[in-house]
Amino acid sequence: MSERWRGAALAAALLALAACETGGVWANVPTDNTPDGQACRREAEQDPEVRRIASQFTASGNEAWNERVRQEMLIALPRAWRECMTRRGAMPGGGVEPLRRTTF
């Protein structure tokens, strides 16, 4: 896959993520409209691990693979968001791990 097409596929995947800001893969990220919460949502979208996972999404219709990618995103996005919120001091570190959703 050429670099141009890879970039287009990644942009499409991230655009799809942004469109589903409260559901889908964002379902495990709390709705937080504070400046820190919104900044951390943007940062989570740009997280290298999240981008790596999003780049694996296929538009070819392989639903089993895409479901696997969605499940990984359900874990990676909240993790990146929580790390950002903790780093900004908007959320205390540690505590009990939040429950994970298994489906949309």
PDB file of N, CA and C in Angstrom:
ATOM      1  N   MET A   1       0.860  -1.174   0.000  1.00  0.00           N
ATOM      2  CA  MET A   1       0.000   0.000   0.000  1.00  0.00           C
ATOM      3  C   MET A   1       0.899   1.228   0.000  1.00  0.00           C
ATOM      4  N   SER A   2       0.627   2.143  -0.894  1.00  0.00           N
ATOM      5  CA  SER A   2       1.450   3.341  -0.983  1.00  0.00           C
ATOM      6  C   SER A   2       1.215   4.231   0.236  1.00  0.00           C
ATOM      7  N   GLU A   3       2.180   5.091   0.483  1.00  0.00           N
ATOM      8  CA  GLU A   3       2.085   5.999   1.637  1.00  0.00           C
ATOM      9  C   GLU A   3       0.862   6.906   1.522  1.00  0.00           C
ATOM     10  N   ARG A   4       0.550   7.305   0.306  1.00  0.00           N
ATOM     11  CA  ARG A   4      -0.612   8.178   0.087  1.00  0.00           C
ATOM     12  C   ARG A   4      -1.909   7.474   0.485  1.00  0.00           C
ATOM     13  N   TRP A   5      -2.072   6.226   0.051  1.00  0.00           N
ATOM     14  CA  TRP A   5      -3.293   5.477   0.384  1.00  0.00           C
ATOM     15  C   TRP A   5      -3.337   5.126   1.861  1.00  0.00           C
ATOM     16  N   ARG A   6      -2.194   4.827   2.432  1.00  0.00           N
ATOM     17  CA  ARG A   6      -2.147   4.511   3.861  1.00  0.00           C
ATOM     18  C   ARG A   6      -2.590   5.718   4.678  1.00  0.00           C
ATOM     19  N   GLY A   7      -2.124   6.897   4.288  1.00  0.00           N
ATOM     20  CA  GLY A   7      -2.529   8.122   4.977  1.00  0.00           C
ATOM     21  C   GLY A   7      -4.016   8.375   4.830  1.00  0.00           C
ATOM     22  N   ALA A   8      -4.547   8.112   3.629  1.00  0.00           N
ATOM     23  CA  ALA A   8      -5.984   8.312   3.400  1.00  0.00           C
ATOM     24  C   ALA A   8      -6.807   7.334   4.233  1.00  0.00           C
ATOM     25  N   ALA A   9      -6.348   6.079   4.321  1.00  0.00           N
ATOM     26  CA  ALA A   9      -7.069   5.079   5.114  1.00  0.00           C
ATOM     27  C   ALA A   9      -7.041   5.443   6.592  1.00  0.00           C
ATOM     28  N   LEU A  10      -5.899   5.911   7.074  1.00  0.00           N
ATOM     29  CA  LEU A  10      -5.794   6.308   8.479  1.00  0.00           C
ATOM     30  C   LEU A  10      -6.683   7.511   8.760  1.00  0.00           C
ATOM     31  N   ALA A  11      -6.696   8.462   7.851  1.00  0.00           N
ATOM     32  CA  ALA A  11      -7.549   9.639   8.035  1.00  0.00           C
ATOM     33  C   ALA A  11      -9.021   9.240   8.060  1.00  0.00           C
ATOM     34  N   ALA A  12      -9.408   8.303   7.202  1.00  0.00           N
ATOM     35  CA  ALA A  12     -10.802   7.842   7.181  1.00  0.00           C
ATOM     36  C   ALA A  12     -11.157   7.131   8.481  1.00  0.00           C
ATOM     37  N   ALA A  13     -10.232   6.319   8.987  1.00  0.00           N
ATOM     38  CA  ALA A  13     -10.493   5.610  10.241  1.00  0.00           C
ATOM     39  C   ALA A  13     -10.629   6.591  11.399  1.00  0.00           C
ATOM     40  N   LEU A  14      -9.763   7.590  11.464  1.00  0.00           N
ATOM     41  CA  LEU A  14      -9.841   8.569  12.546  1.00  0.00           C
ATOM     42  C   LEU A  14     -11.076   9.445  12.411  1.00  0.00           C
ATOM     43  N   LEU A  15     -11.480   9.731  11.180  1.00  0.00           N
ATOM     44  CA  LEU A  15     -12.703  10.493  10.963  1.00  0.00           C
ATOM     45  C   LEU A  15     -13.913   9.701  11.451  1.00  0.00           C
ATOM     46  N   ALA A  16     -13.903   8.401  11.188  1.00  0.00           N
ATOM     47  CA  ALA A  16     -14.994   7.553  11.673  1.00  0.00           C
ATOM     48  C   ALA A  16     -15.012   7.527  13.197  1.00  0.00           C
ATOM     49  N   LEU A  17     -13.835   7.528  13.809  1.00  0.00           N
ATOM     50  CA  LEU A  17     -13.764   7.559  15.272  1.00  0.00           C
ATOM     51  C   LEU A  17     -14.343   8.860  15.808  1.00  0.00           C
ATOM     52  N   ALA A  18     -13.988   9.953  15.182  1.00  0.00           N
ATOM     53  CA  ALA A  18     -14.470  11.253  15.649  1.00  0.00           C
ATOM     54  C   ALA A  18     -15.981  11.376  15.488  1.00  0.00           C
ATOM     55  N   ALA A  19     -16.533  10.742  14.479  1.00  0.00           N
ATOM     56  CA  ALA A  19     -17.976  10.812  14.249  1.00  0.00           C
ATOM     57  C   ALA A  19     -18.746  10.094  15.345  1.00  0.00           C
ATOM     58  N   CYS A  20     -18.117   9.159  15.993  1.00  0.00           N
ATOM     59  CA  CYS A  20     -18.784   8.377  17.034  1.00  0.00           C
ATOM     60  C   CYS A  20     -18.246   8.783  18.399  1.00  0.00           C
ATOM     61  N   GLU A  21     -18.226  10.071  18.692  1.00  0.00           N
ATOM     62  CA  GLU A  21     -17.560  10.587  19.876  1.00  0.00           C
ATOM     63  C   GLU A  21     -18.120  10.068  21.190  1.00  0.00           C
ATOM     64  N   THR A  22     -19.388   9.700  21.251  1.00  0.00           N
ATOM     65  CA  THR A  22     -19.942   9.238  22.520  1.00  0.00           C
ATOM     66  C   THR A  22     -20.286   7.763  22.504  1.00  0.00           C
ATOM     67  N   GLY A  23     -20.340   7.149  21.368  1.00  0.00           N
ATOM     68  CA  GLY A  23     -20.658   5.727  21.269  1.00  0.00           C
ATOM     69  C   GLY A  23     -19.541   5.015  20.542  1.00  0.00           C
ATOM     70  N   GLY A  24     -19.820   3.834  20.094  1.00  0.00           N
ATOM     71  CA  GLY A  24     -18.803   3.078  19.367  1.00  0.00           C
ATOM     72  C   GLY A  24     -17.564   2.885  20.209  1.00  0.00           C
ATOM     73  N   VAL A  25     -16.416   3.156  19.626  1.00  0.00           N
ATOM     74  CA  VAL A  25     -15.167   2.953  20.350  1.00  0.00           C
ATOM     75  C   VAL A  25     -14.957   3.981  21.454  1.00  0.00           C
ATOM     76  N   TRP A  26     -15.745   5.069  21.451  1.00  0.00           N
ATOM     77  CA  TRP A  26     -15.653   6.081  22.508  1.00  0.00           C
ATOM     78  C   TRP A  26     -16.532   5.728  23.705  1.00  0.00           C
ATOM     79  N   ALA A  27     -17.244   4.610  23.651  1.00  0.00           N
ATOM     80  CA  ALA A  27     -18.204   4.267  24.698  1.00  0.00           C
ATOM     81  C   ALA A  27     -17.558   4.141  26.077  1.00  0.00           C
ATOM     82  N   ASN A  28     -16.306   3.753  26.136  1.00  0.00           N
ATOM     83  CA  ASN A  28     -15.631   3.573  27.423  1.00  0.00           C
ATOM     84  C   ASN A  28     -14.958   4.840  27.936  1.00  0.00           C
ATOM     85  N   VAL A  29     -15.023   5.922  27.175  1.00  0.00           N
ATOM     86  CA  VAL A  29     -14.432   7.192  27.598  1.00  0.00           C
ATOM     87  C   VAL A  29     -15.549   8.058  28.168  1.00  0.00           C
ATOM     88  N   PRO A  30     -15.417   8.478  29.423  1.00  0.00           N
ATOM     89  CA  PRO A  30     -16.475   9.303  30.019  1.00  0.00           C
ATOM     90  C   PRO A  30     -16.699  10.598  29.238  1.00  0.00           C
ATOM     91  N   THR A  31     -17.934  11.044  29.192  1.00  0.00           N
ATOM     92  CA  THR A  31     -18.244  12.329  28.574  1.00  0.00           C
ATOM     93  C   THR A  31     -17.799  13.418  29.540  1.00  0.00           C
ATOM     94  N   ASP A  32     -16.825  14.185  29.130  1.00  0.00           N
ATOM     95  CA  ASP A  32     -16.265  15.237  29.971  1.00  0.00           C
ATOM     96  C   ASP A  32     -16.066  16.465  29.093  1.00  0.00           C
ATOM     97  N   ASN A  33     -16.923  17.459  29.267  1.00  0.00           N
ATOM     98  CA  ASN A  33     -16.871  18.646  28.419  1.00  0.00           C
ATOM     99  C   ASN A  33     -15.979  19.750  28.968  1.00  0.00           C
ATOM    100  N   THR A  34     -15.184  19.431  29.987  1.00  0.00           N
ATOM    101  CA  THR A  34     -14.239  20.417  30.500  1.00  0.00           C
ATOM    102  C   THR A  34     -13.127  20.621  29.470  1.00  0.00           C
ATOM    103  N   PRO A  35     -12.389  21.709  29.572  1.00  0.00           N
ATOM    104  CA  PRO A  35     -11.269  21.908  28.640  1.00  0.00           C
ATOM    105  C   PRO A  35     -10.264  20.752  28.682  1.00  0.00           C
ATOM    106  N   ASP A  36      -9.969  20.244  29.893  1.00  0.00           N
ATOM    107  CA  ASP A  36      -9.043  19.115  29.999  1.00  0.00           C
ATOM    108  C   ASP A  36      -9.620  17.876  29.327  1.00  0.00           C
ATOM    109  N   GLY A  37     -10.892  17.609  29.562  1.00  0.00           N
ATOM    110  CA  GLY A  37     -11.529  16.434  28.975  1.00  0.00           C
ATOM    111  C   GLY A  37     -11.518  16.475  27.461  1.00  0.00           C
ATOM    112  N   GLN A  38     -11.838  17.636  26.894  1.00  0.00           N
ATOM    113  CA  GLN A  38     -11.850  17.779  25.437  1.00  0.00           C
ATOM    114  C   GLN A  38     -10.435  17.700  24.862  1.00  0.00           C
ATOM    115  N   ALA A  39      -9.472  18.313  25.543  1.00  0.00           N
ATOM    116  CA  ALA A  39      -8.085  18.253  25.071  1.00  0.00           C
ATOM    117  C   ALA A  39      -7.575  16.818  25.109  1.00  0.00           C
ATOM    118  N   CYS A  40      -7.969  16.078  26.136  1.00  0.00           N
ATOM    119  CA  CYS A  40      -7.515  14.695  26.248  1.00  0.00           C
ATOM    120  C   CYS A  40      -8.186  13.797  25.216  1.00  0.00           C
ATOM    121  N   ARG A  41      -9.410  14.115  24.816  1.00  0.00           N
ATOM    122  CA  ARG A  41     -10.042  13.361  23.717  1.00  0.00           C
ATOM    123  C   ARG A  41      -9.238  13.556  22.430  1.00  0.00           C
ATOM    124  N   ARG A  42      -8.864  14.800  22.162  1.00  0.00           N
ATOM    125  CA  ARG A  42      -8.064  15.071  20.961  1.00  0.00           C
ATOM    126  C   ARG A  42      -6.707  14.378  21.049  1.00  0.00           C
ATOM    127  N   GLU A  43      -6.110  14.423  22.242  1.00  0.00           N
ATOM    128  CA  GLU A  43      -4.810  13.778  22.410  1.00  0.00           C
ATOM    129  C   GLU A  43      -4.929  12.265  22.267  1.00  0.00           C
ATOM    130  N   ALA A  44      -6.006  11.688  22.786  1.00  0.00           N
ATOM    131  CA  ALA A  44      -6.209  10.241  22.665  1.00  0.00           C
ATOM    132  C   ALA A  44      -6.327   9.831  21.199  1.00  0.00           C
ATOM    133  N   GLU A  45      -6.985  10.651  20.381  1.00  0.00           N
ATOM    134  CA  GLU A  45      -7.094  10.354  18.946  1.00  0.00           C
ATOM    135  C   GLU A  45      -5.731  10.349  18.269  1.00  0.00           C
ATOM    136  N   GLN A  46      -4.810  11.170  18.776  1.00  0.00           N
ATOM    137  CA  GLN A  46      -3.485  11.291  18.170  1.00  0.00           C
ATOM    138  C   GLN A  46      -2.454  10.369  18.809  1.00  0.00           C
ATOM    139  N   ASP A  47      -2.840   9.628  19.836  1.00  0.00           N
ATOM    140  CA  ASP A  47      -1.929   8.721  20.523  1.00  0.00           C
ATOM    141  C   ASP A  47      -1.348   7.717  19.519  1.00  0.00           C
ATOM    142  N   PRO A  48      -0.027   7.496  19.532  1.00  0.00           N
ATOM    143  CA  PRO A  48       0.583   6.582  18.557  1.00  0.00           C
ATOM    144  C   PRO A  48      -0.015   5.171  18.588  1.00  0.00           C
ATOM    145  N   GLU A  49      -0.307   4.655  19.760  1.00  0.00           N
ATOM    146  CA  GLU A  49      -0.887   3.310  19.851  1.00  0.00           C
ATOM    147  C   GLU A  49      -2.297   3.287  19.257  1.00  0.00           C
ATOM    148  N   VAL A  50      -3.092   4.306  19.544  1.00  0.00           N
ATOM    149  CA  VAL A  50      -4.448   4.392  18.992  1.00  0.00           C
ATOM    150  C   VAL A  50      -4.378   4.498  17.473  1.00  0.00           C
ATOM    151  N   ARG A  51      -3.471   5.304  16.959  1.00  0.00           N
ATOM    152  CA  ARG A  51      -3.329   5.453  15.505  1.00  0.00           C
ATOM    153  C   ARG A  51      -2.870   4.149  14.865  1.00  0.00           C
ATOM    154  N   ARG A  52      -1.988   3.421  15.550  1.00  0.00           N
ATOM    155  CA  ARG A  52      -1.525   2.136  15.017  1.00  0.00           C
ATOM    156  C   ARG A  52      -2.692   1.163  14.905  1.00  0.00           C
ATOM    157  N   ILE A  53      -3.513   1.103  15.952  1.00  0.00           N
ATOM    158  CA  ILE A  53      -4.666   0.201  15.936  1.00  0.00           C
ATOM    159  C   ILE A  53      -5.664   0.641  14.870  1.00  0.00           C
ATOM    160  N   ALA A  54      -5.948   1.940  14.792  1.00  0.00           N
ATOM    161  CA  ALA A  54      -6.914   2.451  13.812  1.00  0.00           C
ATOM    162  C   ALA A  54      -6.463   2.172  12.386  1.00  0.00           C
ATOM    163  N   SER A  55      -5.165   2.157  12.153  1.00  0.00           N
ATOM    164  CA  SER A  55      -4.667   1.919  10.797  1.00  0.00           C
ATOM    165  C   SER A  55      -4.916   0.484  10.346  1.00  0.00           C
ATOM    166  N   GLN A  56      -5.254  -0.409  11.280  1.00  0.00           N
ATOM    167  CA  GLN A  56      -5.514  -1.804  10.932  1.00  0.00           C
ATOM    168  C   GLN A  56      -6.947  -2.036  10.471  1.00  0.00           C
ATOM    169  N   PHE A  57      -7.800  -1.030  10.620  1.00  0.00           N
ATOM    170  CA  PHE A  57      -9.189  -1.146  10.177  1.00  0.00           C
ATOM    171  C   PHE A  57      -9.213  -1.340   8.669  1.00  0.00           C
ATOM    172  N   THR A  58     -10.026  -2.288   8.195  1.00  0.00           N
ATOM    173  CA  THR A  58     -10.099  -2.545   6.759  1.00  0.00           C
ATOM    174  C   THR A  58     -11.446  -2.103   6.216  1.00  0.00           C
ATOM    175  N   ALA A  59     -11.418  -1.506   5.064  1.00  0.00           N
ATOM    176  CA  ALA A  59     -12.655  -1.097   4.402  1.00  0.00           C
ATOM    177  C   ALA A  59     -13.151  -2.194   3.464  1.00  0.00           C
ATOM    178  N   SER A  60     -12.447  -3.314   3.436  1.00  0.00           N
ATOM    179  CA  SER A  60     -12.786  -4.380   2.493  1.00  0.00           C
ATOM    180  C   SER A  60     -13.931  -5.260   2.973  1.00  0.00           C
ATOM    181  N   GLY A  61     -14.435  -5.008   4.170  1.00  0.00           N
ATOM    182  CA  GLY A  61     -15.588  -5.769   4.639  1.00  0.00           C
ATOM    183  C   GLY A  61     -15.251  -6.977   5.494  1.00  0.00           C
ATOM    184  N   ASN A  62     -14.029  -7.106   5.963  1.00  0.00           N
ATOM    185  CA  ASN A  62     -13.667  -8.217   6.831  1.00  0.00           C
ATOM    186  C   ASN A  62     -14.162  -7.894   8.239  1.00  0.00           C
ATOM    187  N   GLU A  63     -15.410  -8.232   8.499  1.00  0.00           N
ATOM    188  CA  GLU A  63     -16.052  -7.845   9.760  1.00  0.00           C
ATOM    189  C   GLU A  63     -15.401  -8.482  10.982  1.00  0.00           C
ATOM    190  N   ALA A  64     -14.914  -9.708  10.865  1.00  0.00           N
ATOM    191  CA  ALA A  64     -14.267 -10.358  12.010  1.00  0.00           C
ATOM    192  C   ALA A  64     -13.015  -9.579  12.419  1.00  0.00           C
ATOM    193  N   TRP A  65     -12.224  -9.181  11.431  1.00  0.00           N
ATOM    194  CA  TRP A  65     -11.014  -8.411  11.728  1.00  0.00           C
ATOM    195  C   TRP A  65     -11.377  -7.041  12.286  1.00  0.00           C
ATOM    196  N   ASN A  66     -12.355  -6.382  11.662  1.00  0.00           N
ATOM    197  CA  ASN A  66     -12.751  -5.053  12.123  1.00  0.00           C
ATOM    198  C   ASN A  66     -13.299  -5.094  13.544  1.00  0.00           C
ATOM    199  N   GLU A  67     -13.990  -6.162  13.906  1.00  0.00           N
ATOM    200  CA  GLU A  67     -14.483  -6.301  15.284  1.00  0.00           C
ATOM    201  C   GLU A  67     -13.310  -6.418  16.251  1.00  0.00           C
ATOM    202  N   ARG A  68     -12.281  -7.139  15.849  1.00  0.00           N
ATOM    203  CA  ARG A  68     -11.080  -7.261  16.686  1.00  0.00           C
ATOM    204  C   ARG A  68     -10.435  -5.891  16.885  1.00  0.00           C
ATOM    205  N   VAL A  69     -10.358  -5.123  15.806  1.00  0.00           N
ATOM    206  CA  VAL A  69      -9.793  -3.771  15.888  1.00  0.00           C
ATOM    207  C   VAL A  69     -10.647  -2.909  16.813  1.00  0.00           C
ATOM    208  N   ARG A  70     -11.978  -2.993  16.688  1.00  0.00           N
ATOM    209  CA  ARG A  70     -12.868  -2.209  17.566  1.00  0.00           C
ATOM    210  C   ARG A  70     -12.663  -2.586  19.036  1.00  0.00           C
ATOM    211  N   GLN A  71     -12.505  -3.871  19.311  1.00  0.00           N
ATOM    212  CA  GLN A  71     -12.287  -4.302  20.693  1.00  0.00           C
ATOM    213  C   GLN A  71     -10.980  -3.730  21.249  1.00  0.00           C
ATOM    214  N   GLU A  72      -9.940  -3.694  20.418  1.00  0.00           N
ATOM    215  CA  GLU A  72      -8.674  -3.097  20.854  1.00  0.00           C
ATOM    216  C   GLU A  72      -8.839  -1.599  21.101  1.00  0.00           C
ATOM    217  N   MET A  73      -9.641  -0.942  20.261  1.00  0.00           N
ATOM    218  CA  MET A  73      -9.883   0.494  20.433  1.00  0.00           C
ATOM    219  C   MET A  73     -10.676   0.771  21.709  1.00  0.00           C
ATOM    220  N   LEU A  74     -11.578  -0.143  22.078  1.00  0.00           N
ATOM    221  CA  LEU A  74     -12.345   0.019  23.320  1.00  0.00           C
ATOM    222  C   LEU A  74     -11.436   0.022  24.543  1.00  0.00           C
ATOM    223  N   ILE A  75     -10.255  -0.534  24.405  1.00  0.00           N
ATOM    224  CA  ILE A  75      -9.279  -0.549  25.497  1.00  0.00           C
ATOM    225  C   ILE A  75      -8.292   0.614  25.358  1.00  0.00           C
ATOM    226  N   ALA A  76      -7.802   0.844  24.141  1.00  0.00           N
ATOM    227  CA  ALA A  76      -6.735   1.832  23.926  1.00  0.00           C
ATOM    228  C   ALA A  76      -7.195   3.276  24.113  1.00  0.00           C
ATOM    229  N   LEU A  77      -8.371   3.635  23.608  1.00  0.00           N
ATOM    230  CA  LEU A  77      -8.830   5.030  23.727  1.00  0.00           C
ATOM    231  C   LEU A  77      -9.017   5.459  25.180  1.00  0.00           C
ATOM    232  N   PRO A  78      -9.734   4.681  26.010  1.00  0.00           N
ATOM    233  CA  PRO A  78      -9.879   5.115  27.410  1.00  0.00           C
ATOM    234  C   PRO A  78      -8.541   5.168  28.143  1.00  0.00           C
ATOM    235  N   ARG A  79      -7.642   4.241  27.808  1.00  0.00           N
ATOM    236  CA  ARG A  79      -6.327   4.240  28.460  1.00  0.00           C
ATOM    237  C   ARG A  79      -5.581   5.528  28.122  1.00  0.00           C
ATOM    238  N   ALA A  80      -5.557   5.899  26.851  1.00  0.00           N
ATOM    239  CA  ALA A  80      -4.868   7.131  26.435  1.00  0.00           C
ATOM    240  C   ALA A  80      -5.532   8.350  27.065  1.00  0.00           C
ATOM    241  N   TRP A  81      -6.868   8.358  27.124  1.00  0.00           N
ATOM    242  CA  TRP A  81      -7.601   9.483  27.718  1.00  0.00           C
ATOM    243  C   TRP A  81      -7.282   9.609  29.211  1.00  0.00           C
ATOM    244  N   ARG A  82      -7.315   8.473  29.941  1.00  0.00           N
ATOM    245  CA  ARG A  82      -7.023   8.501  31.386  1.00  0.00           C
ATOM    246  C   ARG A  82      -5.589   8.945  31.657  1.00  0.00           C
ATOM    247  N   GLU A  83      -4.639   8.467  30.848  1.00  0.00           N
ATOM    248  CA  GLU A  83      -3.245   8.879  31.034  1.00  0.00           C
ATOM    249  C   GLU A  83      -3.096  10.387  30.857  1.00  0.00           C
ATOM    250  N   CYS A  84      -3.765  10.937  29.867  1.00  0.00           N
ATOM    251  CA  CYS A  84      -3.728  12.385  29.632  1.00  0.00           C
ATOM    252  C   CYS A  84      -4.354  13.136  30.806  1.00  0.00           C
ATOM    253  N   MET A  85      -5.526  12.692  31.249  1.00  0.00           N
ATOM    254  CA  MET A  85      -6.218  13.368  32.351  1.00  0.00           C
ATOM    255  C   MET A  85      -5.377  13.319  33.629  1.00  0.00           C
ATOM    256  N   THR A  86      -4.723  12.203  33.878  1.00  0.00           N
ATOM    257  CA  THR A  86      -3.866  12.072  35.060  1.00  0.00           C
ATOM    258  C   THR A  86      -2.665  13.003  34.942  1.00  0.00           C
ATOM    259  N   ARG A  87      -2.057  13.037  33.772  1.00  0.00           N
ATOM    260  CA  ARG A  87      -0.890  13.900  33.540  1.00  0.00           C
ATOM    261  C   ARG A  87      -1.251  15.373  33.720  1.00  0.00           C
ATOM    262  N   ARG A  88      -2.458  15.772  33.344  1.00  0.00           N
ATOM    263  CA  ARG A  88      -2.911  17.160  33.491  1.00  0.00           C
ATOM    264  C   ARG A  88      -3.376  17.467  34.914  1.00  0.00           C
ATOM    265  N   GLY A  89      -3.475  16.456  35.756  1.00  0.00           N
ATOM    266  CA  GLY A  89      -3.924  16.667  37.124  1.00  0.00           C
ATOM    267  C   GLY A  89      -5.430  16.761  37.255  1.00  0.00           C
ATOM    268  N   ALA A  90      -6.155  16.413  36.203  1.00  0.00           N
ATOM    269  CA  ALA A  90      -7.618  16.491  36.221  1.00  0.00           C
ATOM    270  C   ALA A  90      -8.252  15.223  36.773  1.00  0.00           C
ATOM    271  N   MET A  91      -7.449  14.196  36.958  1.00  0.00           N
ATOM    272  CA  MET A  91      -7.951  12.924  37.462  1.00  0.00           C
ATOM    273  C   MET A  91      -6.853  12.307  38.325  1.00  0.00           C
ATOM    274  N   PRO A  92      -7.201  11.811  39.507  1.00  0.00           N
ATOM    275  CA  PRO A  92      -6.171  11.196  40.340  1.00  0.00           C
ATOM    276  C   PRO A  92      -5.676   9.895  39.718  1.00  0.00           C
ATOM    277  N   GLY A  93      -4.416   9.599  39.921  1.00  0.00           N
ATOM    278  CA  GLY A  93      -3.857   8.348  39.420  1.00  0.00           C
ATOM    279  C   GLY A  93      -4.246   7.182  40.305  1.00  0.00           C
ATOM    280  N   GLY A  94      -4.059   5.987  39.782  1.00  0.00           N
ATOM    281  CA  GLY A  94      -4.358   4.779  40.545  1.00  0.00           C
ATOM    282  C   GLY A  94      -5.832   4.474  40.599  1.00  0.00           C
ATOM    283  N   GLY A  95      -6.207   3.656  41.565  1.00  0.00           N
ATOM    284  CA  GLY A  95      -7.617   3.305  41.712  1.00  0.00           C
ATOM    285  C   GLY A  95      -7.942   1.976  41.068  1.00  0.00           C
ATOM    286  N   VAL A  96      -9.216   1.692  41.021  1.00  0.00           N
ATOM    287  CA  VAL A  96      -9.701   0.438  40.469  1.00  0.00           C
ATOM    288  C   VAL A  96      -9.854   0.589  38.958  1.00  0.00           C
ATOM    289  N   GLU A  97      -9.474  -0.452  38.231  1.00  0.00           N
ATOM    290  CA  GLU A  97      -9.627  -0.405  36.777  1.00  0.00           C
ATOM    291  C   GLU A  97     -11.102  -0.358  36.411  1.00  0.00           C
ATOM    292  N   PRO A  98     -11.490   0.539  35.513  1.00  0.00           N
ATOM    293  CA  PRO A  98     -12.900   0.637  35.126  1.00  0.00           C
ATOM    294  C   PRO A  98     -13.367  -0.611  34.381  1.00  0.00           C
ATOM    295  N   LEU A  99     -14.665  -0.869  34.443  1.00  0.00           N
ATOM    296  CA  LEU A  99     -15.233  -1.986  33.702  1.00  0.00           C
ATOM    297  C   LEU A  99     -15.069  -1.751  32.214  1.00  0.00           C
ATOM    298  N   ARG A 100     -14.843  -2.824  31.483  1.00  0.00           N
ATOM    299  CA  ARG A 100     -14.698  -2.729  30.034  1.00  0.00           C
ATOM    300  C   ARG A 100     -15.965  -3.232  29.364  1.00  0.00           C
ATOM    301  N   ARG A 101     -16.387  -2.518  28.356  1.00  0.00           N
ATOM    302  CA  ARG A 101     -17.518  -2.991  27.554  1.00  0.00           C
ATOM    303  C   ARG A 101     -16.999  -4.035  26.585  1.00  0.00           C
ATOM    304  N   THR A 102     -17.814  -5.027  26.318  1.00  0.00           N
ATOM    305  CA  THR A 102     -17.389  -6.062  25.383  1.00  0.00           C
ATOM    306  C   THR A 102     -18.014  -5.887  24.015  1.00  0.00           C
ATOM    307  N   THR A 103     -19.066  -5.094  23.920  1.00  0.00           N
ATOM    308  CA  THR A 103     -19.717  -4.860  22.630  1.00  0.00           C
ATOM    309  C   THR A 103     -20.083  -3.400  22.529  1.00  0.00           C
ATOM    310  N   PHE A 104     -20.651  -3.042  21.418  1.00  0.00           N
ATOM    311  CA  PHE A 104     -21.082  -1.667  21.202  1.00  0.00           C
ATOM    312  C   PHE A 104     -22.466  -1.561  21.715  1.00  0.00           C
TER     313      PHE A 104
END
